[in-house]
Amino acid sequence: MKNKKMPDFKHLLKDSRDLAQSTLLEELSPTSRLRQVIEYHYSASGSEARGSLCISASLALGLNSKVAIYLSAAVETLHNASLIQDDFQDQDEFRRGQLSVWKKFGSDIAINTTDLLIANAFALAASAAPNSANNLISTMKRAIAVTLQGQTNDLNIDQNLSIDDAILIAKEKSGPFFSLSLELPLVVAGQGEFLDVARQAGASFGIGYQIFDDLHDFDQDKNNGKLSNLSVLSDRTSTKETAEDLALYFLNDAATNAAALPNGCGSLLREKCSKLLSELNREAA
């Protein structure tokens, strides 16, 4: 008996990317300004970490390739919507080596583009598994609500920000879409009892990743006057040891929770944690 051939991971990720863009454009006229904006934004790709996690988890749970592609496209579309919105609200002028959407096309078009991406993400998720559409949509709605809460808190911080406040903002802004990459496949696979574990894994990874990224870009961000909340706290005490300890703690917690997910569906997240932990330990040596 021949072994079943596993789908090519990189091919699935490309199919997911193409699906996201094609479904965004399908209702737009050839001369639409909004079409031009979407094509511009998608001309420069990001890491697609969330989409990769979603495809990996989907395959591990035995979902077919089409479902994996649609779920991945849904998560990445939400992530791209958040990037366009964040750039506008933070007045960041560049994204992925080119002018950000609001800077090149204006704030009104940036808002319209964000709205279309969010609507498309829900349509993609519902199309992935119609029998699970209600649970998929409610799971996505929760992730969006938490992310927007974190963004709102970030936009309204005061000068007395504590380390706990900064961690909570990082958790709410960065964690939900990482955990959503695991949650959506679990929902379709009928493994809803593991959603809380997936959310803890994503939340801890989001915090750990944010601290790691802040530490890595600390000097550059300080020179540019773009220090994040966690970086500001580290700079206040003139030490990075506390931030490094926090990154180690949360990345280890994310790896532990990812390992507790069924069928090894959190294995790629564990690998990402291990890579970041190795870099932290090497830099600290």
C-alpha atoms as a PDB file:
ATOM      1  CA  MET A   1       0.000   0.000   0.000  1.00  0.00           C
ATOM      2  CA  LYS A   2       1.441   3.375  -1.016  1.00  0.00           C
ATOM      3  CA  ASN A   3       1.908   6.084   1.548  1.00  0.00           C
ATOM      4  CA  LYS A   4      -0.380   9.059   1.086  1.00  0.00           C
ATOM      5  CA  LYS A   5       1.572  11.989  -0.329  1.00  0.00           C
ATOM      6  CA  MET A   6       1.506  15.043   1.921  1.00  0.00           C
ATOM      7  CA  PRO A   7       0.593  18.368   0.268  1.00  0.00           C
ATOM      8  CA  ASP A   8       3.455  20.742  -0.467  1.00  0.00           C
ATOM      9  CA  PHE A   9       3.445  23.313   2.354  1.00  0.00           C
ATOM     10  CA  LYS A  10       4.926  26.209   0.370  1.00  0.00           C
ATOM     11  CA  HIS A  11       2.480  25.584  -2.458  1.00  0.00           C
ATOM     12  CA  LEU A  12      -0.451  25.713  -0.047  1.00  0.00           C
ATOM     13  CA  LEU A  13       0.802  28.972   1.433  1.00  0.00           C
ATOM     14  CA  LYS A  14       1.054  30.510  -2.038  1.00  0.00           C
ATOM     15  CA  ASP A  15      -2.442  29.273  -2.866  1.00  0.00           C
ATOM     16  CA  SER A  16      -3.669  30.878   0.363  1.00  0.00           C
ATOM     17  CA  ARG A  17      -2.047  34.195  -0.528  1.00  0.00           C
ATOM     18  CA  ASP A  18      -3.493  34.105  -4.055  1.00  0.00           C
ATOM     19  CA  LEU A  19      -6.942  33.211  -2.713  1.00  0.00           C
ATOM     20  CA  ALA A  20      -6.932  36.127  -0.289  1.00  0.00           C
ATOM     21  CA  GLN A  21      -6.063  38.624  -3.010  1.00  0.00           C
ATOM     22  CA  SER A  22      -8.381  37.216  -5.689  1.00  0.00           C
ATOM     23  CA  THR A  23     -11.418  37.179  -3.384  1.00  0.00           C
ATOM     24  CA  LEU A  24     -10.699  40.750  -2.311  1.00  0.00           C
ATOM     25  CA  LEU A  25     -10.693  41.870  -5.942  1.00  0.00           C
ATOM     26  CA  GLU A  26     -13.586  39.823  -7.324  1.00  0.00           C
ATOM     27  CA  GLU A  27     -16.291  42.461  -6.708  1.00  0.00           C
ATOM     28  CA  LEU A  28     -14.175  45.445  -7.775  1.00  0.00           C
ATOM     29  CA  SER A  29     -14.129  46.993 -11.234  1.00  0.00           C
ATOM     30  CA  PRO A  30     -10.865  46.979 -13.228  1.00  0.00           C
ATOM     31  CA  THR A  31     -10.490  50.742 -12.778  1.00  0.00           C
ATOM     32  CA  SER A  32     -11.347  50.808  -9.077  1.00  0.00           C
ATOM     33  CA  ARG A  33      -9.040  52.832  -6.873  1.00  0.00           C
ATOM     34  CA  LEU A  34      -9.597  50.253  -4.146  1.00  0.00           C
ATOM     35  CA  ARG A  35      -8.340  47.516  -6.478  1.00  0.00           C
ATOM     36  CA  GLN A  36      -5.153  49.521  -7.001  1.00  0.00           C
ATOM     37  CA  VAL A  37      -4.647  49.833  -3.237  1.00  0.00           C
ATOM     38  CA  ILE A  38      -5.101  46.103  -2.608  1.00  0.00           C
ATOM     39  CA  GLU A  39      -2.737  45.155  -5.433  1.00  0.00           C
ATOM     40  CA  TYR A  40      -0.202  47.626  -4.064  1.00  0.00           C
ATOM     41  CA  HIS A  41      -0.415  46.328  -0.494  1.00  0.00           C
ATOM     42  CA  TYR A  42      -0.148  42.689  -1.548  1.00  0.00           C
ATOM     43  CA  SER A  43       2.791  43.378  -3.873  1.00  0.00           C
ATOM     44  CA  ALA A  44       5.067  43.210  -0.821  1.00  0.00           C
ATOM     45  CA  SER A  45       4.591  40.071   1.244  1.00  0.00           C
ATOM     46  CA  GLY A  46       5.278  39.661   4.942  1.00  0.00           C
ATOM     47  CA  SER A  47       6.437  36.654   6.941  1.00  0.00           C
ATOM     48  CA  GLU A  48       3.019  34.962   6.717  1.00  0.00           C
ATOM     49  CA  ALA A  49       3.738  33.402  10.110  1.00  0.00           C
ATOM     50  CA  ARG A  50       0.071  33.196  11.052  1.00  0.00           C
ATOM     51  CA  GLY A  51      -0.921  31.623   7.771  1.00  0.00           C
ATOM     52  CA  SER A  52       1.876  29.081   8.104  1.00  0.00           C
ATOM     53  CA  LEU A  53       0.736  28.157  11.606  1.00  0.00           C
ATOM     54  CA  CYS A  54      -2.821  27.730  10.361  1.00  0.00           C
ATOM     55  CA  ILE A  55      -1.864  25.458   7.468  1.00  0.00           C
ATOM     56  CA  SER A  56       0.420  23.384   9.677  1.00  0.00           C
ATOM     57  CA  ALA A  57      -2.272  22.951  12.337  1.00  0.00           C
ATOM     58  CA  SER A  58      -4.941  22.152   9.742  1.00  0.00           C
ATOM     59  CA  LEU A  59      -2.895  19.394   8.130  1.00  0.00           C
ATOM     60  CA  ALA A  60      -1.910  17.932  11.503  1.00  0.00           C
ATOM     61  CA  LEU A  61      -5.585  17.712  12.449  1.00  0.00           C
ATOM     62  CA  GLY A  62      -6.421  15.874   9.248  1.00  0.00           C
ATOM     63  CA  LEU A  63      -8.238  18.689   7.443  1.00  0.00           C
ATOM     64  CA  ASN A  64      -8.036  18.716   3.661  1.00  0.00           C
ATOM     65  CA  SER A  65      -5.912  21.140   1.686  1.00  0.00           C
ATOM     66  CA  LYS A  66      -8.811  23.341   0.584  1.00  0.00           C
ATOM     67  CA  VAL A  67      -9.924  23.939   4.169  1.00  0.00           C
ATOM     68  CA  ALA A  68      -6.341  24.692   5.207  1.00  0.00           C
ATOM     69  CA  ILE A  69      -5.956  27.228   2.389  1.00  0.00           C
ATOM     70  CA  TYR A  70      -9.211  29.035   3.199  1.00  0.00           C
ATOM     71  CA  LEU A  71      -8.550  29.210   6.943  1.00  0.00           C
ATOM     72  CA  SER A  72      -5.016  30.441   6.377  1.00  0.00           C
ATOM     73  CA  ALA A  73      -6.259  33.106   3.958  1.00  0.00           C
ATOM     74  CA  ALA A  74      -8.839  34.244   6.528  1.00  0.00           C
ATOM     75  CA  VAL A  75      -6.250  34.692   9.284  1.00  0.00           C
ATOM     76  CA  GLU A  76      -3.715  36.439   7.053  1.00  0.00           C
ATOM     77  CA  THR A  77      -6.410  38.743   5.677  1.00  0.00           C
ATOM     78  CA  LEU A  78      -7.321  39.821   9.201  1.00  0.00           C
ATOM     79  CA  HIS A  79      -3.652  40.373   9.988  1.00  0.00           C
ATOM     80  CA  ASN A  80      -3.206  42.548   6.903  1.00  0.00           C
ATOM     81  CA  ALA A  81      -6.268  44.580   7.877  1.00  0.00           C
ATOM     82  CA  SER A  82      -4.727  45.208  11.294  1.00  0.00           C
ATOM     83  CA  LEU A  83      -1.441  46.332   9.725  1.00  0.00           C
ATOM     84  CA  ILE A  84      -3.133  48.912   7.495  1.00  0.00           C
ATOM     85  CA  GLN A  85      -5.145  50.218  10.448  1.00  0.00           C
ATOM     86  CA  ASP A  86      -2.182  50.288  12.830  1.00  0.00           C
ATOM     87  CA  ASP A  87      -0.020  52.167  10.324  1.00  0.00           C
ATOM     88  CA  PHE A  88      -2.708  54.811   9.956  1.00  0.00           C
ATOM     89  CA  GLN A  89      -3.372  55.194  13.677  1.00  0.00           C
ATOM     90  CA  ASP A  90       0.333  55.214  14.570  1.00  0.00           C
ATOM     91  CA  GLN A  91       1.191  57.389  11.553  1.00  0.00           C
ATOM     92  CA  ASP A  92       3.855  54.905  10.435  1.00  0.00           C
ATOM     93  CA  GLU A  93       4.939  55.843   6.922  1.00  0.00           C
ATOM     94  CA  PHE A  94       6.484  52.565   5.759  1.00  0.00           C
ATOM     95  CA  ARG A  95       5.411  48.923   5.676  1.00  0.00           C
ATOM     96  CA  ARG A  96       7.426  46.063   4.161  1.00  0.00           C
ATOM     97  CA  GLY A  97       9.901  48.390   2.488  1.00  0.00           C
ATOM     98  CA  GLN A  98       7.355  50.650   0.800  1.00  0.00           C
ATOM     99  CA  LEU A  99       5.042  53.503   1.722  1.00  0.00           C
ATOM    100  CA  SER A 100       2.180  52.405   3.962  1.00  0.00           C
ATOM    101  CA  VAL A 101      -1.326  52.482   2.487  1.00  0.00           C
ATOM    102  CA  TRP A 102      -2.503  55.599   4.304  1.00  0.00           C
ATOM    103  CA  LYS A 103       0.666  57.496   3.385  1.00  0.00           C
ATOM    104  CA  LYS A 104       0.461  56.659  -0.307  1.00  0.00           C
ATOM    105  CA  PHE A 105      -3.312  56.714  -0.870  1.00  0.00           C
ATOM    106  CA  GLY A 106      -4.744  58.709   2.030  1.00  0.00           C
ATOM    107  CA  SER A 107      -6.484  57.907   5.305  1.00  0.00           C
ATOM    108  CA  ASP A 108     -10.007  57.521   3.884  1.00  0.00           C
ATOM    109  CA  ILE A 109      -8.942  54.829   1.425  1.00  0.00           C
ATOM    110  CA  ALA A 110      -6.936  53.096   4.159  1.00  0.00           C
ATOM    111  CA  ILE A 111     -10.108  52.841   6.269  1.00  0.00           C
ATOM    112  CA  ASN A 112     -12.129  51.499   3.322  1.00  0.00           C
ATOM    113  CA  THR A 113      -9.433  48.939   2.560  1.00  0.00           C
ATOM    114  CA  THR A 114      -9.408  47.750   6.159  1.00  0.00           C
ATOM    115  CA  ASP A 115     -13.197  47.333   6.111  1.00  0.00           C
ATOM    116  CA  LEU A 116     -13.071  45.256   2.936  1.00  0.00           C
ATOM    117  CA  LEU A 117     -10.317  43.006   4.287  1.00  0.00           C
ATOM    118  CA  ILE A 118     -12.237  42.279   7.491  1.00  0.00           C
ATOM    119  CA  ALA A 119     -15.421  41.461   5.560  1.00  0.00           C
ATOM    120  CA  ASN A 120     -13.446  39.200   3.224  1.00  0.00           C
ATOM    121  CA  ALA A 121     -11.837  37.358   6.135  1.00  0.00           C
ATOM    122  CA  PHE A 122     -15.260  36.364   7.469  1.00  0.00           C
ATOM    123  CA  ALA A 123     -16.361  35.208   4.000  1.00  0.00           C
ATOM    124  CA  LEU A 124     -13.219  33.085   3.630  1.00  0.00           C
ATOM    125  CA  ALA A 125     -13.711  31.413   7.005  1.00  0.00           C
ATOM    126  CA  ALA A 126     -17.371  30.659   6.331  1.00  0.00           C
ATOM    127  CA  SER A 127     -16.475  29.182   2.937  1.00  0.00           C
ATOM    128  CA  ALA A 128     -13.798  26.964   4.477  1.00  0.00           C
ATOM    129  CA  ALA A 129     -16.299  24.793   6.341  1.00  0.00           C
ATOM    130  CA  PRO A 130     -19.973  25.813   5.972  1.00  0.00           C
ATOM    131  CA  ASN A 131     -21.078  23.345   8.652  1.00  0.00           C
ATOM    132  CA  SER A 132     -18.795  25.089  11.153  1.00  0.00           C
ATOM    133  CA  ALA A 133     -19.445  28.635   9.884  1.00  0.00           C
ATOM    134  CA  ASN A 134     -21.209  29.903  13.036  1.00  0.00           C
ATOM    135  CA  ASN A 135     -18.428  28.732  15.349  1.00  0.00           C
ATOM    136  CA  LEU A 136     -15.711  29.987  12.993  1.00  0.00           C
ATOM    137  CA  ILE A 137     -17.292  33.431  12.759  1.00  0.00           C
ATOM    138  CA  SER A 138     -17.810  33.761  16.519  1.00  0.00           C
ATOM    139  CA  THR A 139     -14.202  32.662  17.113  1.00  0.00           C
ATOM    140  CA  MET A 140     -12.931  35.284  14.671  1.00  0.00           C
ATOM    141  CA  LYS A 141     -15.168  37.953  16.192  1.00  0.00           C
ATOM    142  CA  ARG A 142     -13.679  37.253  19.617  1.00  0.00           C
ATOM    143  CA  ALA A 143     -10.114  37.547  18.285  1.00  0.00           C
ATOM    144  CA  ILE A 144     -10.913  40.855  16.577  1.00  0.00           C
ATOM    145  CA  ALA A 145     -12.595  42.255  19.707  1.00  0.00           C
ATOM    146  CA  VAL A 146      -9.597  41.429  21.913  1.00  0.00           C
ATOM    147  CA  THR A 147      -7.143  42.820  19.355  1.00  0.00           C
ATOM    148  CA  LEU A 148      -9.080  46.082  19.026  1.00  0.00           C
ATOM    149  CA  GLN A 149      -9.293  46.362  22.807  1.00  0.00           C
ATOM    150  CA  GLY A 150      -5.516  46.096  22.999  1.00  0.00           C
ATOM    151  CA  GLN A 151      -5.088  48.650  20.231  1.00  0.00           C
ATOM    152  CA  THR A 152      -7.494  51.033  21.959  1.00  0.00           C
ATOM    153  CA  ASN A 153      -5.600  50.713  25.235  1.00  0.00           C
ATOM    154  CA  ASP A 154      -2.330  51.255  23.412  1.00  0.00           C
ATOM    155  CA  LEU A 155      -3.636  54.480  21.880  1.00  0.00           C
ATOM    156  CA  ASN A 156      -4.720  55.768  25.289  1.00  0.00           C
ATOM    157  CA  ILE A 157      -1.781  54.932  27.551  1.00  0.00           C
ATOM    158  CA  ASP A 158      -0.557  57.399  30.133  1.00  0.00           C
ATOM    159  CA  GLN A 159       2.853  58.153  31.543  1.00  0.00           C
ATOM    160  CA  ASN A 160       2.354  55.836  34.539  1.00  0.00           C
ATOM    161  CA  LEU A 161       2.275  52.654  32.482  1.00  0.00           C
ATOM    162  CA  SER A 162       3.304  49.622  34.539  1.00  0.00           C
ATOM    163  CA  ILE A 163       4.984  46.460  33.285  1.00  0.00           C
ATOM    164  CA  ASP A 164       1.701  44.587  33.808  1.00  0.00           C
ATOM    165  CA  ASP A 165      -0.128  47.155  31.667  1.00  0.00           C
ATOM    166  CA  ALA A 166       2.472  46.858  28.910  1.00  0.00           C
ATOM    167  CA  ILE A 167       2.279  43.052  28.953  1.00  0.00           C
ATOM    168  CA  LEU A 168      -1.523  43.142  28.769  1.00  0.00           C
ATOM    169  CA  ILE A 169      -1.408  45.455  25.749  1.00  0.00           C
ATOM    170  CA  ALA A 170       1.111  43.176  24.018  1.00  0.00           C
ATOM    171  CA  LYS A 171      -1.032  40.149  24.869  1.00  0.00           C
ATOM    172  CA  GLU A 172      -4.199  41.687  23.445  1.00  0.00           C
ATOM    173  CA  LYS A 173      -2.609  43.247  20.367  1.00  0.00           C
ATOM    174  CA  SER A 174      -0.281  40.444  19.293  1.00  0.00           C
ATOM    175  CA  GLY A 175      -1.720  37.248  20.760  1.00  0.00           C
ATOM    176  CA  PRO A 176      -5.218  36.804  19.280  1.00  0.00           C
ATOM    177  CA  PHE A 177      -4.288  36.305  15.627  1.00  0.00           C
ATOM    178  CA  PHE A 178      -1.514  33.842  16.520  1.00  0.00           C
ATOM    179  CA  SER A 179      -3.973  31.819  18.590  1.00  0.00           C
ATOM    180  CA  LEU A 180      -6.625  32.188  15.880  1.00  0.00           C
ATOM    181  CA  SER A 181      -4.278  30.321  13.536  1.00  0.00           C
ATOM    182  CA  LEU A 182      -4.691  27.332  15.855  1.00  0.00           C
ATOM    183  CA  GLU A 183      -8.285  27.950  16.933  1.00  0.00           C
ATOM    184  CA  LEU A 184      -9.881  27.864  13.476  1.00  0.00           C
ATOM    185  CA  PRO A 185      -8.487  24.428  12.558  1.00  0.00           C
ATOM    186  CA  LEU A 186      -9.486  23.111  15.998  1.00  0.00           C
ATOM    187  CA  VAL A 187     -13.046  24.342  15.468  1.00  0.00           C
ATOM    188  CA  VAL A 188     -13.369  22.625  12.088  1.00  0.00           C
ATOM    189  CA  ALA A 189     -11.789  19.438  13.450  1.00  0.00           C
ATOM    190  CA  GLY A 190     -14.315  19.315  16.288  1.00  0.00           C
ATOM    191  CA  GLN A 191     -11.639  19.822  18.953  1.00  0.00           C
ATOM    192  CA  GLY A 192     -13.203  22.832  20.639  1.00  0.00           C
ATOM    193  CA  GLU A 193     -12.170  21.633  24.093  1.00  0.00           C
ATOM    194  CA  PHE A 194      -8.617  22.725  23.234  1.00  0.00           C
ATOM    195  CA  LEU A 195      -9.487  26.334  22.364  1.00  0.00           C
ATOM    196  CA  ASP A 196      -8.437  27.692  25.765  1.00  0.00           C
ATOM    197  CA  VAL A 197      -5.048  25.971  25.440  1.00  0.00           C
ATOM    198  CA  ALA A 198      -4.615  27.412  21.947  1.00  0.00           C
ATOM    199  CA  ARG A 199      -5.498  30.881  23.235  1.00  0.00           C
ATOM    200  CA  GLN A 200      -2.963  30.614  26.040  1.00  0.00           C
ATOM    201  CA  ALA A 201      -0.301  29.433  23.596  1.00  0.00           C
ATOM    202  CA  GLY A 202      -1.038  32.300  21.212  1.00  0.00           C
ATOM    203  CA  ALA A 203      -1.216  34.904  23.972  1.00  0.00           C
ATOM    204  CA  SER A 204       2.112  33.889  25.482  1.00  0.00           C
ATOM    205  CA  PHE A 205       3.763  33.700  22.076  1.00  0.00           C
ATOM    206  CA  GLY A 206       2.427  37.140  21.174  1.00  0.00           C
ATOM    207  CA  ILE A 207       3.921  38.643  24.334  1.00  0.00           C
ATOM    208  CA  GLY A 208       7.215  36.783  24.026  1.00  0.00           C
ATOM    209  CA  TYR A 209       7.553  37.622  20.345  1.00  0.00           C
ATOM    210  CA  GLN A 210       6.780  41.299  20.967  1.00  0.00           C
ATOM    211  CA  ILE A 211       9.408  41.550  23.702  1.00  0.00           C
ATOM    212  CA  PHE A 212      11.942  39.711  21.531  1.00  0.00           C
ATOM    213  CA  ASP A 213      11.248  42.067  18.630  1.00  0.00           C
ATOM    214  CA  ASP A 214      11.509  45.118  20.896  1.00  0.00           C
ATOM    215  CA  LEU A 215      14.856  43.959  22.260  1.00  0.00           C
ATOM    216  CA  HIS A 216      16.169  43.210  18.788  1.00  0.00           C
ATOM    217  CA  ASP A 217      15.203  46.656  17.455  1.00  0.00           C
ATOM    218  CA  PHE A 218      15.793  48.582  20.690  1.00  0.00           C
ATOM    219  CA  ASP A 219      18.669  50.837  19.586  1.00  0.00           C
ATOM    220  CA  GLN A 220      17.184  51.581  16.169  1.00  0.00           C
ATOM    221  CA  ASP A 221      13.730  52.306  17.582  1.00  0.00           C
ATOM    222  CA  LYS A 222      15.199  54.553  20.267  1.00  0.00           C
ATOM    223  CA  ASN A 223      17.071  56.597  17.664  1.00  0.00           C
ATOM    224  CA  ASN A 224      13.881  56.901  15.617  1.00  0.00           C
ATOM    225  CA  GLY A 225      11.783  57.836  18.644  1.00  0.00           C
ATOM    226  CA  LYS A 226       9.554  54.788  18.111  1.00  0.00           C
ATOM    227  CA  LEU A 227      10.036  52.840  21.327  1.00  0.00           C
ATOM    228  CA  SER A 228       7.189  50.492  22.217  1.00  0.00           C
ATOM    229  CA  ASN A 229       5.596  50.336  25.667  1.00  0.00           C
ATOM    230  CA  LEU A 230       7.846  47.477  26.791  1.00  0.00           C
ATOM    231  CA  SER A 231      10.939  49.161  25.383  1.00  0.00           C
ATOM    232  CA  VAL A 232      10.120  52.388  27.214  1.00  0.00           C
ATOM    233  CA  LEU A 233       9.944  50.496  30.507  1.00  0.00           C
ATOM    234  CA  SER A 234      13.284  48.819  29.831  1.00  0.00           C
ATOM    235  CA  ASP A 235      14.831  52.154  28.935  1.00  0.00           C
ATOM    236  CA  ARG A 236      13.473  53.699  32.130  1.00  0.00           C
ATOM    237  CA  THR A 237      15.417  51.259  34.273  1.00  0.00           C
ATOM    238  CA  SER A 238      18.457  51.297  31.981  1.00  0.00           C
ATOM    239  CA  THR A 239      18.477  47.493  31.873  1.00  0.00           C
ATOM    240  CA  LYS A 240      17.218  44.798  29.556  1.00  0.00           C
ATOM    241  CA  GLU A 241      17.583  41.836  31.893  1.00  0.00           C
ATOM    242  CA  THR A 242      13.974  42.036  33.057  1.00  0.00           C
ATOM    243  CA  ALA A 243      12.689  42.159  29.489  1.00  0.00           C
ATOM    244  CA  GLU A 244      14.847  39.190  28.522  1.00  0.00           C
ATOM    245  CA  ASP A 245      13.577  37.171  31.489  1.00  0.00           C
ATOM    246  CA  LEU A 246       9.989  37.979  30.524  1.00  0.00           C
ATOM    247  CA  ALA A 247      10.590  36.928  26.918  1.00  0.00           C
ATOM    248  CA  LEU A 248      12.069  33.622  28.072  1.00  0.00           C
ATOM    249  CA  TYR A 249       9.148  32.997  30.425  1.00  0.00           C
ATOM    250  CA  PHE A 250       6.408  33.678  27.882  1.00  0.00           C
ATOM    251  CA  LEU A 251       8.086  31.829  25.014  1.00  0.00           C
ATOM    252  CA  ASN A 252       8.547  28.778  27.228  1.00  0.00           C
ATOM    253  CA  ASP A 253       4.913  29.008  28.314  1.00  0.00           C
ATOM    254  CA  ALA A 254       3.801  29.230  24.678  1.00  0.00           C
ATOM    255  CA  ALA A 255       5.863  26.156  23.785  1.00  0.00           C
ATOM    256  CA  THR A 256       4.413  24.185  26.716  1.00  0.00           C
ATOM    257  CA  ASN A 257       0.830  24.984  25.749  1.00  0.00           C
ATOM    258  CA  ALA A 258       1.497  24.323  22.057  1.00  0.00           C
ATOM    259  CA  ALA A 259       2.822  20.887  22.990  1.00  0.00           C
ATOM    260  CA  ALA A 260      -0.450  20.136  24.793  1.00  0.00           C
ATOM    261  CA  LEU A 261      -2.534  20.568  21.628  1.00  0.00           C
ATOM    262  CA  PRO A 262      -3.865  17.437  19.885  1.00  0.00           C
ATOM    263  CA  ASN A 263      -2.208  15.614  16.978  1.00  0.00           C
ATOM    264  CA  GLY A 264       0.896  17.792  17.214  1.00  0.00           C
ATOM    265  CA  CYS A 265      -1.003  20.691  15.647  1.00  0.00           C
ATOM    266  CA  GLY A 266       1.052  23.147  17.683  1.00  0.00           C
ATOM    267  CA  SER A 267       4.412  21.783  16.502  1.00  0.00           C
ATOM    268  CA  LEU A 268       5.229  24.707  14.213  1.00  0.00           C
ATOM    269  CA  LEU A 269       4.536  27.179  17.022  1.00  0.00           C
ATOM    270  CA  ARG A 270       6.855  25.152  19.262  1.00  0.00           C
ATOM    271  CA  GLU A 271       9.544  25.383  16.583  1.00  0.00           C
ATOM    272  CA  LYS A 272       9.141  29.153  16.391  1.00  0.00           C
ATOM    273  CA  CYS A 273       9.430  29.389  20.185  1.00  0.00           C
ATOM    274  CA  SER A 274      12.576  27.250  20.172  1.00  0.00           C
ATOM    275  CA  LYS A 275      14.175  29.421  17.500  1.00  0.00           C
ATOM    276  CA  LEU A 276      13.509  32.648  19.405  1.00  0.00           C
ATOM    277  CA  LEU A 277      14.667  31.105  22.688  1.00  0.00           C
ATOM    278  CA  SER A 278      17.913  29.990  21.068  1.00  0.00           C
ATOM    279  CA  GLU A 279      18.538  33.492  19.738  1.00  0.00           C
ATOM    280  CA  LEU A 280      17.842  35.035  23.134  1.00  0.00           C
ATOM    281  CA  ASN A 281      20.188  32.636  24.890  1.00  0.00           C
ATOM    282  CA  ARG A 282      22.892  33.201  22.296  1.00  0.00           C
ATOM    283  CA  GLU A 283      22.657  36.980  22.597  1.00  0.00           C
ATOM    284  CA  ALA A 284      22.714  36.771  26.398  1.00  0.00           C
ATOM    285  CA  ALA A 285      25.834  34.559  26.429  1.00  0.00           C
END
